[in-house]
C-alpha atoms as a PDB file:
ATOM      1  CA  MET A   1      92.979  36.018 120.214  1.00  0.00           C
ATOM      2  CA  ASP A   2      91.695  38.491 117.604  1.00  0.00           C
ATOM      3  CA  THR A   3      89.665  41.274 119.161  1.00  0.00           C
ATOM      4  CA  ASN A   4      87.859  42.003 115.768  1.00  0.00           C
ATOM      5  CA  GLU A   5      86.711  38.342 115.449  1.00  0.00           C
ATOM      6  CA  ILE A   6      85.509  38.387 119.076  1.00  0.00           C
ATOM      7  CA  VAL A   7      83.531  41.640 118.424  1.00  0.00           C
ATOM      8  CA  GLU A   8      81.981  40.121 115.312  1.00  0.00           C
ATOM      9  CA  ARG A   9      80.950  36.872 117.223  1.00  0.00           C
ATOM     10  CA  ALA A  10      79.451  39.138 119.995  1.00  0.00           C
ATOM     11  CA  LYS A  11      77.470  41.134 117.463  1.00  0.00           C
ATOM     12  CA  LYS A  12      76.293  37.922 115.858  1.00  0.00           C
ATOM     13  CA  ALA A  13      75.100  36.620 119.339  1.00  0.00           C
ATOM     14  CA  ALA A  14      73.436  39.902 119.960  1.00  0.00           C
ATOM     15  CA  ASN A  15      71.819  39.797 116.575  1.00  0.00           C
ATOM     16  CA  VAL A  16      73.057  43.149 115.508  1.00  0.00           C
ATOM     17  CA  SER A  17      75.267  44.174 112.640  1.00  0.00           C
ATOM     18  CA  LYS A  18      76.445  47.678 113.345  1.00  0.00           C
ATOM     19  CA  ASN A  19      79.101  48.723 115.877  1.00  0.00           C
ATOM     20  CA  LYS A  20      76.697  51.514 117.075  1.00  0.00           C
ATOM     21  CA  GLN A  21      73.936  48.974 117.870  1.00  0.00           C
ATOM     22  CA  PHE A  22      76.370  46.868 119.879  1.00  0.00           C
ATOM     23  CA  ALA A  23      77.868  49.859 121.666  1.00  0.00           C
ATOM     24  CA  ASP A  24      74.454  50.856 122.714  1.00  0.00           C
ATOM     25  CA  LEU A  25      73.896  47.361 124.206  1.00  0.00           C
ATOM     26  CA  LEU A  26      77.177  47.768 126.154  1.00  0.00           C
ATOM     27  CA  GLY A  27      76.103  51.257 127.278  1.00  0.00           C
ATOM     28  CA  ILE A  28      79.030  53.012 125.634  1.00  0.00           C
ATOM     29  CA  SER A  29      79.216  55.477 122.752  1.00  0.00           C
ATOM     30  CA  GLU A  30      80.111  54.361 119.320  1.00  0.00           C
ATOM     31  CA  ASN A  31      83.352  56.342 119.417  1.00  0.00           C
ATOM     32  CA  ASN A  32      84.381  54.879 122.729  1.00  0.00           C
ATOM     33  CA  PHE A  33      83.504  51.396 121.381  1.00  0.00           C
ATOM     34  CA  SER A  34      85.757  52.025 118.397  1.00  0.00           C
ATOM     35  CA  ASN A  35      88.655  53.188 120.427  1.00  0.00           C
ATOM     36  CA  MET A  36      88.355  50.222 122.814  1.00  0.00           C
ATOM     37  CA  LYS A  37      88.208  47.850 119.994  1.00  0.00           C
ATOM     38  CA  ILE A  38      91.379  49.259 118.441  1.00  0.00           C
ATOM     39  CA  SER A  39      93.238  49.247 121.888  1.00  0.00           C
ATOM     40  CA  GLY A  40      91.959  45.816 122.808  1.00  0.00           C
ATOM     41  CA  THR A  41      90.351  47.032 125.989  1.00  0.00           C
ATOM     42  CA  ILE A  42      86.826  46.309 124.722  1.00  0.00           C
ATOM     43  CA  VAL A  43      87.391  42.650 125.824  1.00  0.00           C
ATOM     44  CA  ASN A  44      86.532  43.479 129.440  1.00  0.00           C
ATOM     45  CA  HIS A  45      83.208  44.840 128.373  1.00  0.00           C
ATOM     46  CA  LEU A  46      82.566  41.851 126.132  1.00  0.00           C
ATOM     47  CA  LEU A  47      83.360  39.531 128.980  1.00  0.00           C
ATOM     48  CA  LYS A  48      80.966  41.179 131.319  1.00  0.00           C
ATOM     49  CA  TRP A  49      78.240  41.426 128.640  1.00  0.00           C
ATOM     50  CA  ALA A  50      78.769  37.692 127.669  1.00  0.00           C
ATOM     51  CA  ILE A  51      78.524  36.469 131.208  1.00  0.00           C
ATOM     52  CA  GLN A  52      75.300  38.558 131.734  1.00  0.00           C
ATOM     53  CA  GLU A  53      73.764  37.249 128.528  1.00  0.00           C
ATOM     54  CA  LYS A  54      74.916  33.672 129.091  1.00  0.00           C
ATOM     55  CA  ILE A  55      76.950  33.574 125.927  1.00  0.00           C
ATOM     56  CA  ASN A  56      79.316  30.642 125.526  1.00  0.00           C
ATOM     57  CA  LEU A  57      82.722  32.079 126.324  1.00  0.00           C
ATOM     58  CA  SER A  58      84.585  29.415 124.435  1.00  0.00           C
ATOM     59  CA  TRP A  59      82.712  30.299 121.355  1.00  0.00           C
ATOM     60  CA  LEU A  60      83.004  34.047 121.929  1.00  0.00           C
ATOM     61  CA  PHE A  61      86.730  34.164 122.460  1.00  0.00           C
ATOM     62  CA  TYR A  62      87.859  31.267 120.421  1.00  0.00           C
ATOM     63  CA  GLY A  63      85.155  30.518 117.922  1.00  0.00           C
ATOM     64  CA  SER A  64      84.421  26.995 119.081  1.00  0.00           C
ATOM     65  CA  GLU A  65      81.044  25.657 119.894  1.00  0.00           C
ATOM     66  CA  ARG A  66      77.801  27.492 119.324  1.00  0.00           C
ATOM     67  CA  PRO A  67      76.543  30.490 121.226  1.00  0.00           C
ATOM     68  CA  ASN A  68      73.673  30.132 123.659  1.00  0.00           C
ATOM     69  CA  GLN A  69      72.985  26.500 122.556  1.00  0.00           C
ATOM     70  CA  ASP A  70      70.609  25.785 125.415  1.00  0.00           C
ATOM     71  CA  GLN A  71      68.883  29.063 125.004  1.00  0.00           C
ATOM     72  CA  LEU A  72      68.446  28.513 121.258  1.00  0.00           C
ATOM     73  CA  ILE A  73      66.953  25.087 121.841  1.00  0.00           C
ATOM     74  CA  GLU A  74      64.545  26.553 124.399  1.00  0.00           C
ATOM     75  CA  ASP A  75      63.557  29.472 122.153  1.00  0.00           C
ATOM     76  CA  ILE A  76      62.879  26.969 119.287  1.00  0.00           C
ATOM     77  CA  LYS A  77      60.663  24.785 121.565  1.00  0.00           C
ATOM     78  CA  ASN A  78      58.734  27.965 122.740  1.00  0.00           C
ATOM     79  CA  LEU A  79      58.258  29.132 119.151  1.00  0.00           C
ATOM     80  CA  ASN A  80      57.003  25.688 118.104  1.00  0.00           C
ATOM     81  CA  ASP A  81      54.551  25.678 120.994  1.00  0.00           C
ATOM     82  CA  TRP A  82      53.386  29.083 120.256  1.00  0.00           C
ATOM     83  CA  MET A  83      52.908  28.474 116.571  1.00  0.00           C
ATOM     84  CA  LEU A  84      50.929  25.334 117.320  1.00  0.00           C
ATOM     85  CA  GLU A  85      48.590  27.237 119.690  1.00  0.00           C
ATOM     86  CA  MET A  86      48.217  30.062 117.166  1.00  0.00           C
ATOM     87  CA  THR A  87      47.315  27.736 114.247  1.00  0.00           C
ATOM     88  CA  ASP A  88      45.268  25.182 116.141  1.00  0.00           C
ATOM     89  CA  ASN A  89      42.638  24.013 113.652  1.00  0.00           C
ATOM     90  CA  ASP A  90      42.937  27.251 111.607  1.00  0.00           C
ATOM     91  CA  LYS A  91      44.250  26.473 108.108  1.00  0.00           C
ATOM     92  CA  ASP A  92      44.150  30.131 107.038  1.00  0.00           C
ATOM     93  CA  ARG A  93      46.455  31.056 109.880  1.00  0.00           C
ATOM     94  CA  GLU A  94      48.693  28.170 109.084  1.00  0.00           C
ATOM     95  CA  ALA A  95      49.035  29.446 105.575  1.00  0.00           C
ATOM     96  CA  TRP A  96      49.606  32.934 106.774  1.00  0.00           C
ATOM     97  CA  PHE A  97      52.517  31.839 109.010  1.00  0.00           C
ATOM     98  CA  ARG A  98      54.117  29.907 106.203  1.00  0.00           C
ATOM     99  CA  VAL A  99      53.991  32.876 103.854  1.00  0.00           C
ATOM    100  CA  GLU A 100      54.993  35.472 106.481  1.00  0.00           C
ATOM    101  CA  LEU A 101      57.884  33.193 107.746  1.00  0.00           C
ATOM    102  CA  LYS A 102      59.431  32.988 104.216  1.00  0.00           C
ATOM    103  CA  GLU A 103      58.841  36.738 103.658  1.00  0.00           C
ATOM    104  CA  LYS A 104      60.377  37.885 106.930  1.00  0.00           C
ATOM    105  CA  PHE A 105      63.275  35.442 106.758  1.00  0.00           C
ATOM    106  CA  PRO A 106      64.454  35.070 103.219  1.00  0.00           C
ATOM    107  CA  GLU A 107      67.424  33.040 104.353  1.00  0.00           C
ATOM    108  CA  PHE A 108      65.035  30.544 105.596  1.00  0.00           C
ATOM    109  CA  LYS A 109      63.141  30.459 102.343  1.00  0.00           C
ATOM    110  CA  ASP A 110      66.476  29.992 100.471  1.00  0.00           C
ATOM    111  CA  TRP A 111      67.464  27.190 102.835  1.00  0.00           C
ATOM    112  CA  LEU A 112      64.183  25.459 102.331  1.00  0.00           C
ATOM    113  CA  ASP A 113      64.458  25.761  98.541  1.00  0.00           C
ATOM    114  CA  LYS A 114      67.974  24.342  98.650  1.00  0.00           C
ATOM    115  CA  ARG A 115      66.876  21.420 100.999  1.00  0.00           C
ATOM    116  CA  ASN A 116      63.893  20.641  98.789  1.00  0.00           C
ATOM    117  CA  LYS A 117      65.979  20.396  95.680  1.00  0.00           C
ATOM    118  CA  THR A 118      68.237  17.802  97.186  1.00  0.00           C
ATOM    119  CA  GLU A 119      65.320  15.589  98.330  1.00  0.00           C
END
C-alpha cells in the first residue's frame, strides 16, 4: 500500500489538486498533512474522511473500482434533469449550455472532438 498513491486518489475523489486544499478538507494544517503523509500516519485521517464521504475503500486503498460510482450516477442523472428543465423549449439557453460546457470543461470538449473524429 503506497501512501502517496492513496493520497493522490483521495485528492482526485475530493476534486482537489493541492495538498493544502486536501489538508483543509481534513481539518489539519498543510505542514501536519505533509508530516503525516511522510510518516504514513495520514492513513487514519484518510479512512475516516473516506467513510464519511462514502468513498469506495477498495478504490482508495488499492486503486480498484471507481470512486463513488453510485453517487456519480446519481449526480449525472440530477444534472441531466436540471439541464432539461433549464432548457425546456428554449433554444437560446440550449446553445448557451453547449458553449459554456465546452468552455468550462475543456477536457470534455477534447473528448467530444476525439469521439466525433472516430465516428
